[in-house]
Amino acid sequence: MLIAHQIALDPNNAQAAYLARAAGVARFAYNWALAKWKRQYEACKLDPTLPPKPSQAALRRQLNALKHEQFPWMLEVTKNAPQMAIIQLGQAFQNFFAGRAKYP
């Protein structure tokens, strides 16, 4: 027998706006990290003297160093929104390199 819980979210206007901002920050962080990953990976392939291939932890540190100056609007939502987006990108690349998934 399968038992499931169905939970419906019914946010008010302020909560809906916050959720939309958090989703937008997460999407921006994912796209930003994907672009950085591509550039750093290609640079490592061309010049082996550069630092090792990119990682999700390094990309999170890079974004944290930039977001106060370049992306202050990211500070309006929880830090977990961009953090989890980059962690999930790292997991997507792990699955890709292991042959379990397509390119993110």
PDB file of N, CA and C in Angstrom:
ATOM      1  N   MET A   1       0.840  -1.165   0.000  1.00  0.00           N
ATOM      2  CA  MET A   1       0.000   0.000   0.000  1.00  0.00           C
ATOM      3  C   MET A   1       0.896   1.242   0.000  1.00  0.00           C
ATOM      4  N   LEU A   2       0.588   2.158  -0.869  1.00  0.00           N
ATOM      5  CA  LEU A   2       1.315   3.414  -0.942  1.00  0.00           C
ATOM      6  C   LEU A   2       0.547   4.489  -0.195  1.00  0.00           C
ATOM      7  N   ILE A   3       1.247   5.188   0.628  1.00  0.00           N
ATOM      8  CA  ILE A   3       0.642   6.293   1.365  1.00  0.00           C
ATOM      9  C   ILE A   3       1.388   7.554   0.973  1.00  0.00           C
ATOM     10  N   ALA A   4       0.658   8.593   0.657  1.00  0.00           N
ATOM     11  CA  ALA A   4       1.281   9.842   0.243  1.00  0.00           C
ATOM     12  C   ALA A   4       0.638  11.007   0.970  1.00  0.00           C
ATOM     13  N   HIS A   5       1.399  12.049   1.104  1.00  0.00           N
ATOM     14  CA  HIS A   5       0.891  13.286   1.666  1.00  0.00           C
ATOM     15  C   HIS A   5       0.869  14.325   0.560  1.00  0.00           C
ATOM     16  N   GLN A   6      -0.219  14.982   0.437  1.00  0.00           N
ATOM     17  CA  GLN A   6      -0.333  16.031  -0.556  1.00  0.00           C
ATOM     18  C   GLN A   6      -0.443  17.354   0.193  1.00  0.00           C
ATOM     19  N   ILE A   7       0.499  18.233  -0.087  1.00  0.00           N
ATOM     20  CA  ILE A   7       0.539  19.513   0.603  1.00  0.00           C
ATOM     21  C   ILE A   7       0.371  20.605  -0.435  1.00  0.00           C
ATOM     22  N   ALA A   8      -0.571  21.468  -0.205  1.00  0.00           N
ATOM     23  CA  ALA A   8      -0.814  22.578  -1.127  1.00  0.00           C
ATOM     24  C   ALA A   8      -0.283  23.864  -0.499  1.00  0.00           C
ATOM     25  N   LEU A   9       0.491  24.590  -1.268  1.00  0.00           N
ATOM     26  CA  LEU A   9       0.970  25.885  -0.810  1.00  0.00           C
ATOM     27  C   LEU A   9      -0.018  26.956  -1.250  1.00  0.00           C
ATOM     28  N   ASP A  10      -0.346  27.820  -0.343  1.00  0.00           N
ATOM     29  CA  ASP A  10      -1.256  28.921  -0.649  1.00  0.00           C
ATOM     30  C   ASP A  10      -0.631  30.213  -0.116  1.00  0.00           C
ATOM     31  N   PRO A  11       0.438  30.691  -0.787  1.00  0.00           N
ATOM     32  CA  PRO A  11       1.127  31.875  -0.274  1.00  0.00           C
ATOM     33  C   PRO A  11       0.325  33.151  -0.520  1.00  0.00           C
ATOM     34  N   ASN A  12       0.505  34.096   0.392  1.00  0.00           N
ATOM     35  CA  ASN A  12      -0.108  35.401   0.157  1.00  0.00           C
ATOM     36  C   ASN A  12       0.775  36.159  -0.846  1.00  0.00           C
ATOM     37  N   ASN A  13       0.426  37.373  -1.165  1.00  0.00           N
ATOM     38  CA  ASN A  13       1.154  38.115  -2.201  1.00  0.00           C
ATOM     39  C   ASN A  13       2.624  38.337  -1.839  1.00  0.00           C
ATOM     40  N   ALA A  14       2.892  38.680  -0.599  1.00  0.00           N
ATOM     41  CA  ALA A  14       4.276  38.916  -0.181  1.00  0.00           C
ATOM     42  C   ALA A  14       5.086  37.624  -0.241  1.00  0.00           C
ATOM     43  N   GLN A  15       4.500  36.526   0.201  1.00  0.00           N
ATOM     44  CA  GLN A  15       5.196  35.246   0.152  1.00  0.00           C
ATOM     45  C   GLN A  15       5.421  34.786  -1.287  1.00  0.00           C
ATOM     46  N   ALA A  16       4.450  34.992  -2.149  1.00  0.00           N
ATOM     47  CA  ALA A  16       4.589  34.615  -3.559  1.00  0.00           C
ATOM     48  C   ALA A  16       5.700  35.427  -4.224  1.00  0.00           C
ATOM     49  N   ALA A  17       5.790  36.706  -3.887  1.00  0.00           N
ATOM     50  CA  ALA A  17       6.853  37.545  -4.440  1.00  0.00           C
ATOM     51  C   ALA A  17       8.217  37.065  -3.952  1.00  0.00           C
ATOM     52  N   TYR A  18       8.318  36.702  -2.675  1.00  0.00           N
ATOM     53  CA  TYR A  18       9.574  36.203  -2.132  1.00  0.00           C
ATOM     54  C   TYR A  18       9.980  34.890  -2.813  1.00  0.00           C
ATOM     55  N   LEU A  19       9.027  33.987  -2.985  1.00  0.00           N
ATOM     56  CA  LEU A  19       9.317  32.711  -3.640  1.00  0.00           C
ATOM     57  C   LEU A  19       9.784  32.927  -5.082  1.00  0.00           C
ATOM     58  N   ALA A  20       9.169  33.885  -5.771  1.00  0.00           N
ATOM     59  CA  ALA A  20       9.568  34.193  -7.147  1.00  0.00           C
ATOM     60  C   ALA A  20      10.986  34.770  -7.179  1.00  0.00           C
ATOM     61  N   ARG A  21      11.314  35.644  -6.214  1.00  0.00           N
ATOM     62  CA  ARG A  21      12.668  36.202  -6.150  1.00  0.00           C
ATOM     63  C   ARG A  21      13.685  35.102  -5.861  1.00  0.00           C
ATOM     64  N   ALA A  22      13.347  34.212  -4.935  1.00  0.00           N
ATOM     65  CA  ALA A  22      14.263  33.117  -4.595  1.00  0.00           C
ATOM     66  C   ALA A  22      14.483  32.207  -5.798  1.00  0.00           C
ATOM     67  N   ALA A  23      13.432  31.916  -6.538  1.00  0.00           N
ATOM     68  CA  ALA A  23      13.581  31.078  -7.732  1.00  0.00           C
ATOM     69  C   ALA A  23      14.426  31.792  -8.787  1.00  0.00           C
ATOM     70  N   GLY A  24      14.237  33.087  -8.935  1.00  0.00           N
ATOM     71  CA  GLY A  24      15.034  33.853  -9.890  1.00  0.00           C
ATOM     72  C   GLY A  24      16.503  33.894  -9.508  1.00  0.00           C
ATOM     73  N   VAL A  25      16.793  34.045  -8.223  1.00  0.00           N
ATOM     74  CA  VAL A  25      18.178  34.049  -7.751  1.00  0.00           C
ATOM     75  C   VAL A  25      18.809  32.682  -7.995  1.00  0.00           C
ATOM     76  N   ALA A  26      18.065  31.619  -7.729  1.00  0.00           N
ATOM     77  CA  ALA A  26      18.590  30.276  -7.949  1.00  0.00           C
ATOM     78  C   ALA A  26      18.888  30.047  -9.427  1.00  0.00           C
ATOM     79  N   ARG A  27      17.985  30.482 -10.290  1.00  0.00           N
ATOM     80  CA  ARG A  27      18.194  30.294 -11.730  1.00  0.00           C
ATOM     81  C   ARG A  27      19.392  31.112 -12.221  1.00  0.00           C
ATOM     82  N   PHE A  28      19.517  32.338 -11.724  1.00  0.00           N
ATOM     83  CA  PHE A  28      20.659  33.168 -12.092  1.00  0.00           C
ATOM     84  C   PHE A  28      21.963  32.509 -11.645  1.00  0.00           C
ATOM     85  N   ALA A  29      21.995  32.018 -10.409  1.00  0.00           N
ATOM     86  CA  ALA A  29      23.205  31.391  -9.879  1.00  0.00           C
ATOM     87  C   ALA A  29      23.572  30.151 -10.693  1.00  0.00           C
ATOM     88  N   TYR A  30      22.594  29.362 -11.074  1.00  0.00           N
ATOM     89  CA  TYR A  30      22.845  28.169 -11.877  1.00  0.00           C
ATOM     90  C   TYR A  30      23.442  28.554 -13.226  1.00  0.00           C
ATOM     91  N   ASN A  31      22.826  29.518 -13.901  1.00  0.00           N
ATOM     92  CA  ASN A  31      23.324  29.944 -15.215  1.00  0.00           C
ATOM     93  C   ASN A  31      24.703  30.595 -15.107  1.00  0.00           C
ATOM     94  N   TRP A  32      24.920  31.396 -14.078  1.00  0.00           N
ATOM     95  CA  TRP A  32      26.215  32.027 -13.866  1.00  0.00           C
ATOM     96  C   TRP A  32      27.287  30.958 -13.652  1.00  0.00           C
ATOM     97  N   ALA A  33      26.996  29.980 -12.799  1.00  0.00           N
ATOM     98  CA  ALA A  33      27.958  28.932 -12.499  1.00  0.00           C
ATOM     99  C   ALA A  33      28.211  28.046 -13.727  1.00  0.00           C
ATOM    100  N   LEU A  34      27.182  27.779 -14.508  1.00  0.00           N
ATOM    101  CA  LEU A  34      27.357  26.973 -15.717  1.00  0.00           C
ATOM    102  C   LEU A  34      28.277  27.681 -16.707  1.00  0.00           C
ATOM    103  N   ALA A  35      28.098  28.977 -16.894  1.00  0.00           N
ATOM    104  CA  ALA A  35      28.965  29.745 -17.794  1.00  0.00           C
ATOM    105  C   ALA A  35      30.398  29.751 -17.282  1.00  0.00           C
ATOM    106  N   LYS A  36      30.588  29.965 -15.980  1.00  0.00           N
ATOM    107  CA  LYS A  36      31.934  29.960 -15.397  1.00  0.00           C
ATOM    108  C   LYS A  36      32.573  28.577 -15.542  1.00  0.00           C
ATOM    109  N   TRP A  37      31.779  27.534 -15.304  1.00  0.00           N
ATOM    110  CA  TRP A  37      32.284  26.165 -15.396  1.00  0.00           C
ATOM    111  C   TRP A  37      32.806  25.896 -16.812  1.00  0.00           C
ATOM    112  N   LYS A  38      32.020  26.292 -17.808  1.00  0.00           N
ATOM    113  CA  LYS A  38      32.424  26.076 -19.201  1.00  0.00           C
ATOM    114  C   LYS A  38      33.739  26.801 -19.503  1.00  0.00           C
ATOM    115  N   ARG A  39      33.832  28.072 -19.102  1.00  0.00           N
ATOM    116  CA  ARG A  39      35.043  28.850 -19.369  1.00  0.00           C
ATOM    117  C   ARG A  39      36.259  28.259 -18.661  1.00  0.00           C
ATOM    118  N   GLN A  40      36.104  27.908 -17.386  1.00  0.00           N
ATOM    119  CA  GLN A  40      37.229  27.375 -16.630  1.00  0.00           C
ATOM    120  C   GLN A  40      37.646  26.000 -17.137  1.00  0.00           C
ATOM    121  N   TYR A  41      36.682  25.188 -17.517  1.00  0.00           N
ATOM    122  CA  TYR A  41      36.990  23.850 -18.022  1.00  0.00           C
ATOM    123  C   TYR A  41      37.751  23.939 -19.346  1.00  0.00           C
ATOM    124  N   GLU A  42      37.288  24.816 -20.244  1.00  0.00           N
ATOM    125  CA  GLU A  42      37.978  24.993 -21.526  1.00  0.00           C
ATOM    126  C   GLU A  42      39.381  25.559 -21.319  1.00  0.00           C
ATOM    127  N   ALA A  43      39.524  26.491 -20.390  1.00  0.00           N
ATOM    128  CA  ALA A  43      40.842  27.071 -20.111  1.00  0.00           C
ATOM    129  C   ALA A  43      41.795  26.007 -19.555  1.00  0.00           C
ATOM    130  N   CYS A  44      41.287  25.099 -18.721  1.00  0.00           N
ATOM    131  CA  CYS A  44      42.125  24.026 -18.170  1.00  0.00           C
ATOM    132  C   CYS A  44      42.554  23.050 -19.253  1.00  0.00           C
ATOM    133  N   LYS A  45      41.692  22.822 -20.221  1.00  0.00           N
ATOM    134  CA  LYS A  45      42.048  21.912 -21.312  1.00  0.00           C
ATOM    135  C   LYS A  45      43.137  22.526 -22.196  1.00  0.00           C
ATOM    136  N   LEU A  46      43.076  23.842 -22.383  1.00  0.00           N
ATOM    137  CA  LEU A  46      44.046  24.512 -23.246  1.00  0.00           C
ATOM    138  C   LEU A  46      45.389  24.751 -22.563  1.00  0.00           C
ATOM    139  N   ASP A  47      45.350  25.029 -21.268  1.00  0.00           N
ATOM    140  CA  ASP A  47      46.575  25.350 -20.532  1.00  0.00           C
ATOM    141  C   ASP A  47      46.639  24.504 -19.262  1.00  0.00           C
ATOM    142  N   PRO A  48      47.408  23.417 -19.274  1.00  0.00           N
ATOM    143  CA  PRO A  48      47.445  22.534 -18.098  1.00  0.00           C
ATOM    144  C   PRO A  48      48.112  23.152 -16.874  1.00  0.00           C
ATOM    145  N   THR A  49      48.739  24.311 -17.004  1.00  0.00           N
ATOM    146  CA  THR A  49      49.375  24.946 -15.843  1.00  0.00           C
ATOM    147  C   THR A  49      48.362  25.687 -14.970  1.00  0.00           C
ATOM    148  N   LEU A  50      47.152  25.864 -15.474  1.00  0.00           N
ATOM    149  CA  LEU A  50      46.112  26.536 -14.693  1.00  0.00           C
ATOM    150  C   LEU A  50      45.651  25.648 -13.547  1.00  0.00           C
ATOM    151  N   PRO A  51      44.924  26.220 -12.580  1.00  0.00           N
ATOM    152  CA  PRO A  51      44.421  25.409 -11.465  1.00  0.00           C
ATOM    153  C   PRO A  51      43.562  24.258 -11.979  1.00  0.00           C
ATOM    154  N   PRO A  52      43.277  23.289 -11.114  1.00  0.00           N
ATOM    155  CA  PRO A  52      42.508  22.127 -11.541  1.00  0.00           C
ATOM    156  C   PRO A  52      41.123  22.502 -12.063  1.00  0.00           C
ATOM    157  N   LYS A  53      40.469  21.511 -12.621  1.00  0.00           N
ATOM    158  CA  LYS A  53      39.150  21.722 -13.202  1.00  0.00           C
ATOM    159  C   LYS A  53      38.202  22.322 -12.163  1.00  0.00           C
ATOM    160  N   PRO A  54      37.177  23.014 -12.612  1.00  0.00           N
ATOM    161  CA  PRO A  54      36.264  23.685 -11.676  1.00  0.00           C
ATOM    162  C   PRO A  54      35.491  22.689 -10.818  1.00  0.00           C
ATOM    163  N   SER A  55      35.062  23.172  -9.668  1.00  0.00           N
ATOM    164  CA  SER A  55      34.238  22.370  -8.766  1.00  0.00           C
ATOM    165  C   SER A  55      33.113  23.251  -8.238  1.00  0.00           C
ATOM    166  N   GLN A  56      32.077  22.610  -7.727  1.00  0.00           N
ATOM    167  CA  GLN A  56      30.949  23.392  -7.215  1.00  0.00           C
ATOM    168  C   GLN A  56      31.363  24.197  -5.989  1.00  0.00           C
ATOM    169  N   ALA A  57      32.262  23.682  -5.179  1.00  0.00           N
ATOM    170  CA  ALA A  57      32.701  24.432  -3.995  1.00  0.00           C
ATOM    171  C   ALA A  57      33.468  25.697  -4.406  1.00  0.00           C
ATOM    172  N   ALA A  58      34.331  25.567  -5.410  1.00  0.00           N
ATOM    173  CA  ALA A  58      35.090  26.733  -5.877  1.00  0.00           C
ATOM    174  C   ALA A  58      34.161  27.770  -6.500  1.00  0.00           C
ATOM    175  N   LEU A  59      33.162  27.307  -7.243  1.00  0.00           N
ATOM    176  CA  LEU A  59      32.215  28.243  -7.856  1.00  0.00           C
ATOM    177  C   LEU A  59      31.373  28.949  -6.797  1.00  0.00           C
ATOM    178  N   ARG A  60      31.005  28.247  -5.738  1.00  0.00           N
ATOM    179  CA  ARG A  60      30.254  28.891  -4.652  1.00  0.00           C
ATOM    180  C   ARG A  60      31.098  29.973  -3.993  1.00  0.00           C
ATOM    181  N   ARG A  61      32.382  29.686  -3.775  1.00  0.00           N
ATOM    182  CA  ARG A  61      33.275  30.692  -3.178  1.00  0.00           C
ATOM    183  C   ARG A  61      33.409  31.900  -4.099  1.00  0.00           C
ATOM    184  N   GLN A  62      33.513  31.670  -5.403  1.00  0.00           N
ATOM    185  CA  GLN A  62      33.632  32.776  -6.354  1.00  0.00           C
ATOM    186  C   GLN A  62      32.385  33.648  -6.334  1.00  0.00           C
ATOM    187  N   LEU A  63      31.215  33.022  -6.328  1.00  0.00           N
ATOM    188  CA  LEU A  63      29.973  33.800  -6.307  1.00  0.00           C
ATOM    189  C   LEU A  63      29.835  34.562  -4.999  1.00  0.00           C
ATOM    190  N   ASN A  64      30.190  33.938  -3.889  1.00  0.00           N
ATOM    191  CA  ASN A  64      30.093  34.630  -2.598  1.00  0.00           C
ATOM    192  C   ASN A  64      31.010  35.845  -2.548  1.00  0.00           C
ATOM    193  N   ALA A  65      32.164  35.755  -3.205  1.00  0.00           N
ATOM    194  CA  ALA A  65      33.090  36.890  -3.228  1.00  0.00           C
ATOM    195  C   ALA A  65      32.544  38.037  -4.070  1.00  0.00           C
ATOM    196  N   LEU A  66      31.733  37.725  -5.074  1.00  0.00           N
ATOM    197  CA  LEU A  66      31.223  38.749  -5.988  1.00  0.00           C
ATOM    198  C   LEU A  66      29.866  39.329  -5.608  1.00  0.00           C
ATOM    199  N   LYS A  67      29.036  38.559  -4.940  1.00  0.00           N
ATOM    200  CA  LYS A  67      27.631  38.952  -4.836  1.00  0.00           C
ATOM    201  C   LYS A  67      27.388  40.207  -4.011  1.00  0.00           C
ATOM    202  N   HIS A  68      28.234  40.532  -3.075  1.00  0.00           N
ATOM    203  CA  HIS A  68      28.019  41.753  -2.295  1.00  0.00           C
ATOM    204  C   HIS A  68      28.214  43.005  -3.145  1.00  0.00           C
ATOM    205  N   GLU A  69      29.144  42.955  -4.085  1.00  0.00           N
ATOM    206  CA  GLU A  69      29.428  44.123  -4.920  1.00  0.00           C
ATOM    207  C   GLU A  69      28.653  44.126  -6.231  1.00  0.00           C
ATOM    208  N   GLN A  70      28.647  42.973  -6.930  1.00  0.00           N
ATOM    209  CA  GLN A  70      28.047  42.940  -8.257  1.00  0.00           C
ATOM    210  C   GLN A  70      26.580  42.544  -8.264  1.00  0.00           C
ATOM    211  N   PHE A  71      26.163  41.723  -7.315  1.00  0.00           N
ATOM    212  CA  PHE A  71      24.791  41.218  -7.304  1.00  0.00           C
ATOM    213  C   PHE A  71      24.148  41.421  -5.931  1.00  0.00           C
ATOM    214  N   PRO A  72      24.008  42.657  -5.457  1.00  0.00           N
ATOM    215  CA  PRO A  72      23.457  42.867  -4.113  1.00  0.00           C
ATOM    216  C   PRO A  72      22.002  42.417  -3.975  1.00  0.00           C
ATOM    217  N   TRP A  73      21.279  42.331  -5.076  1.00  0.00           N
ATOM    218  CA  TRP A  73      19.886  41.884  -5.027  1.00  0.00           C
ATOM    219  C   TRP A  73      19.789  40.413  -4.625  1.00  0.00           C
ATOM    220  N   MET A  74      20.886  39.665  -4.721  1.00  0.00           N
ATOM    221  CA  MET A  74      20.866  38.264  -4.291  1.00  0.00           C
ATOM    222  C   MET A  74      20.759  38.142  -2.774  1.00  0.00           C
ATOM    223  N   LEU A  75      21.108  39.204  -2.071  1.00  0.00           N
ATOM    224  CA  LEU A  75      21.080  39.167  -0.609  1.00  0.00           C
ATOM    225  C   LEU A  75      19.671  39.329  -0.051  1.00  0.00           C
ATOM    226  N   GLU A  76      18.694  39.593  -0.917  1.00  0.00           N
ATOM    227  CA  GLU A  76      17.308  39.765  -0.466  1.00  0.00           C
ATOM    228  C   GLU A  76      16.631  38.443  -0.141  1.00  0.00           C
ATOM    229  N   VAL A  77      17.220  37.327  -0.571  1.00  0.00           N
ATOM    230  CA  VAL A  77      16.631  36.015  -0.307  1.00  0.00           C
ATOM    231  C   VAL A  77      17.614  35.172   0.491  1.00  0.00           C
ATOM    232  N   THR A  78      17.177  34.018   0.911  1.00  0.00           N
ATOM    233  CA  THR A  78      18.022  33.128   1.687  1.00  0.00           C
ATOM    234  C   THR A  78      19.256  32.713   0.901  1.00  0.00           C
ATOM    235  N   LYS A  79      20.349  32.506   1.619  1.00  0.00           N
ATOM    236  CA  LYS A  79      21.592  32.110   0.956  1.00  0.00           C
ATOM    237  C   LYS A  79      21.503  30.710   0.365  1.00  0.00           C
ATOM    238  N   ASN A  80      20.514  29.939   0.779  1.00  0.00           N
ATOM    239  CA  ASN A  80      20.372  28.580   0.281  1.00  0.00           C
ATOM    240  C   ASN A  80      19.934  28.527  -1.173  1.00  0.00           C
ATOM    241  N   ALA A  81      19.280  29.563  -1.674  1.00  0.00           N
ATOM    242  CA  ALA A  81      18.799  29.545  -3.061  1.00  0.00           C
ATOM    243  C   ALA A  81      19.965  29.453  -4.047  1.00  0.00           C
ATOM    244  N   PRO A  82      20.942  30.359  -4.019  1.00  0.00           N
ATOM    245  CA  PRO A  82      22.059  30.205  -4.957  1.00  0.00           C
ATOM    246  C   PRO A  82      22.987  29.047  -4.588  1.00  0.00           C
ATOM    247  N   GLN A  83      23.127  28.791  -3.302  1.00  0.00           N
ATOM    248  CA  GLN A  83      24.025  27.727  -2.855  1.00  0.00           C
ATOM    249  C   GLN A  83      23.559  26.366  -3.376  1.00  0.00           C
ATOM    250  N   MET A  84      22.283  26.061  -3.222  1.00  0.00           N
ATOM    251  CA  MET A  84      21.773  24.768  -3.670  1.00  0.00           C
ATOM    252  C   MET A  84      21.770  24.660  -5.189  1.00  0.00           C
ATOM    253  N   ALA A  85      21.559  25.771  -5.882  1.00  0.00           N
ATOM    254  CA  ALA A  85      21.597  25.736  -7.344  1.00  0.00           C
ATOM    255  C   ALA A  85      22.985  25.329  -7.834  1.00  0.00           C
ATOM    256  N   ILE A  86      24.023  25.849  -7.213  1.00  0.00           N
ATOM    257  CA  ILE A  86      25.383  25.516  -7.630  1.00  0.00           C
ATOM    258  C   ILE A  86      25.749  24.096  -7.202  1.00  0.00           C
ATOM    259  N   ILE A  87      25.289  23.679  -6.039  1.00  0.00           N
ATOM    260  CA  ILE A  87      25.527  22.302  -5.601  1.00  0.00           C
ATOM    261  C   ILE A  87      24.864  21.326  -6.575  1.00  0.00           C
ATOM    262  N   GLN A  88      23.650  21.640  -7.003  1.00  0.00           N
ATOM    263  CA  GLN A  88      22.963  20.771  -7.950  1.00  0.00           C
ATOM    264  C   GLN A  88      23.648  20.770  -9.316  1.00  0.00           C
ATOM    265  N   LEU A  89      24.239  21.889  -9.710  1.00  0.00           N
ATOM    266  CA  LEU A  89      25.015  21.916 -10.950  1.00  0.00           C
ATOM    267  C   LEU A  89      26.230  21.002 -10.818  1.00  0.00           C
ATOM    268  N   GLY A  90      26.906  21.053  -9.680  1.00  0.00           N
ATOM    269  CA  GLY A  90      28.045  20.161  -9.454  1.00  0.00           C
ATOM    270  C   GLY A  90      27.638  18.704  -9.518  1.00  0.00           C
ATOM    271  N   GLN A  91      26.483  18.381  -8.954  1.00  0.00           N
ATOM    272  CA  GLN A  91      25.982  17.004  -9.014  1.00  0.00           C
ATOM    273  C   GLN A  91      25.629  16.616 -10.446  1.00  0.00           C
ATOM    274  N   ALA A  92      25.090  17.560 -11.198  1.00  0.00           N
ATOM    275  CA  ALA A  92      24.752  17.292 -12.597  1.00  0.00           C
ATOM    276  C   ALA A  92      26.021  16.993 -13.400  1.00  0.00           C
ATOM    277  N   PHE A  93      27.108  17.714 -13.136  1.00  0.00           N
ATOM    278  CA  PHE A  93      28.358  17.439 -13.837  1.00  0.00           C
ATOM    279  C   PHE A  93      28.959  16.106 -13.397  1.00  0.00           C
ATOM    280  N   GLN A  94      28.830  15.753 -12.120  1.00  0.00           N
ATOM    281  CA  GLN A  94      29.302  14.443 -11.673  1.00  0.00           C
ATOM    282  C   GLN A  94      28.560  13.333 -12.408  1.00  0.00           C
ATOM    283  N   ASN A  95      27.253  13.473 -12.525  1.00  0.00           N
ATOM    284  CA  ASN A  95      26.463  12.474 -13.241  1.00  0.00           C
ATOM    285  C   ASN A  95      26.835  12.439 -14.720  1.00  0.00           C
ATOM    286  N   PHE A  96      27.105  13.599 -15.308  1.00  0.00           N
ATOM    287  CA  PHE A  96      27.490  13.658 -16.717  1.00  0.00           C
ATOM    288  C   PHE A  96      28.817  12.937 -16.948  1.00  0.00           C
ATOM    289  N   PHE A  97      29.824  13.246 -16.124  1.00  0.00           N
ATOM    290  CA  PHE A  97      31.136  12.634 -16.319  1.00  0.00           C
ATOM    291  C   PHE A  97      31.124  11.138 -15.983  1.00  0.00           C
ATOM    292  N   ALA A  98      30.169  10.705 -15.153  1.00  0.00           N
ATOM    293  CA  ALA A  98      30.032   9.282 -14.851  1.00  0.00           C
ATOM    294  C   ALA A  98      29.213   8.554 -15.908  1.00  0.00           C
ATOM    295  N   GLY A  99      28.652   9.289 -16.867  1.00  0.00           N
ATOM    296  CA  GLY A  99      27.875   8.677 -17.935  1.00  0.00           C
ATOM    297  C   GLY A  99      26.431   8.392 -17.573  1.00  0.00           C
ATOM    298  N   ARG A 100      25.955   8.966 -16.481  1.00  0.00           N
ATOM    299  CA  ARG A 100      24.575   8.713 -16.044  1.00  0.00           C
ATOM    300  C   ARG A 100      23.585   9.758 -16.535  1.00  0.00           C
ATOM    301  N   ALA A 101      24.072  10.844 -17.145  1.00  0.00           N
ATOM    302  CA  ALA A 101      23.170  11.922 -17.541  1.00  0.00           C
ATOM    303  C   ALA A 101      23.763  12.668 -18.737  1.00  0.00           C
ATOM    304  N   LYS A 102      22.924  13.485 -19.332  1.00  0.00           N
ATOM    305  CA  LYS A 102      23.370  14.341 -20.432  1.00  0.00           C
ATOM    306  C   LYS A 102      24.043  15.584 -19.865  1.00  0.00           C
ATOM    307  N   TYR A 103      24.659  16.367 -20.746  1.00  0.00           N
ATOM    308  CA  TYR A 103      25.326  17.606 -20.336  1.00  0.00           C
ATOM    309  C   TYR A 103      24.297  18.559 -19.723  1.00  0.00           C
ATOM    310  N   PRO A 104      24.631  19.136 -18.582  1.00  0.00           N
ATOM    311  CA  PRO A 104      23.636  20.003 -17.901  1.00  0.00           C
ATOM    312  C   PRO A 104      23.226  21.214 -18.721  1.00  0.00           C
TER     313      PRO A 104
END
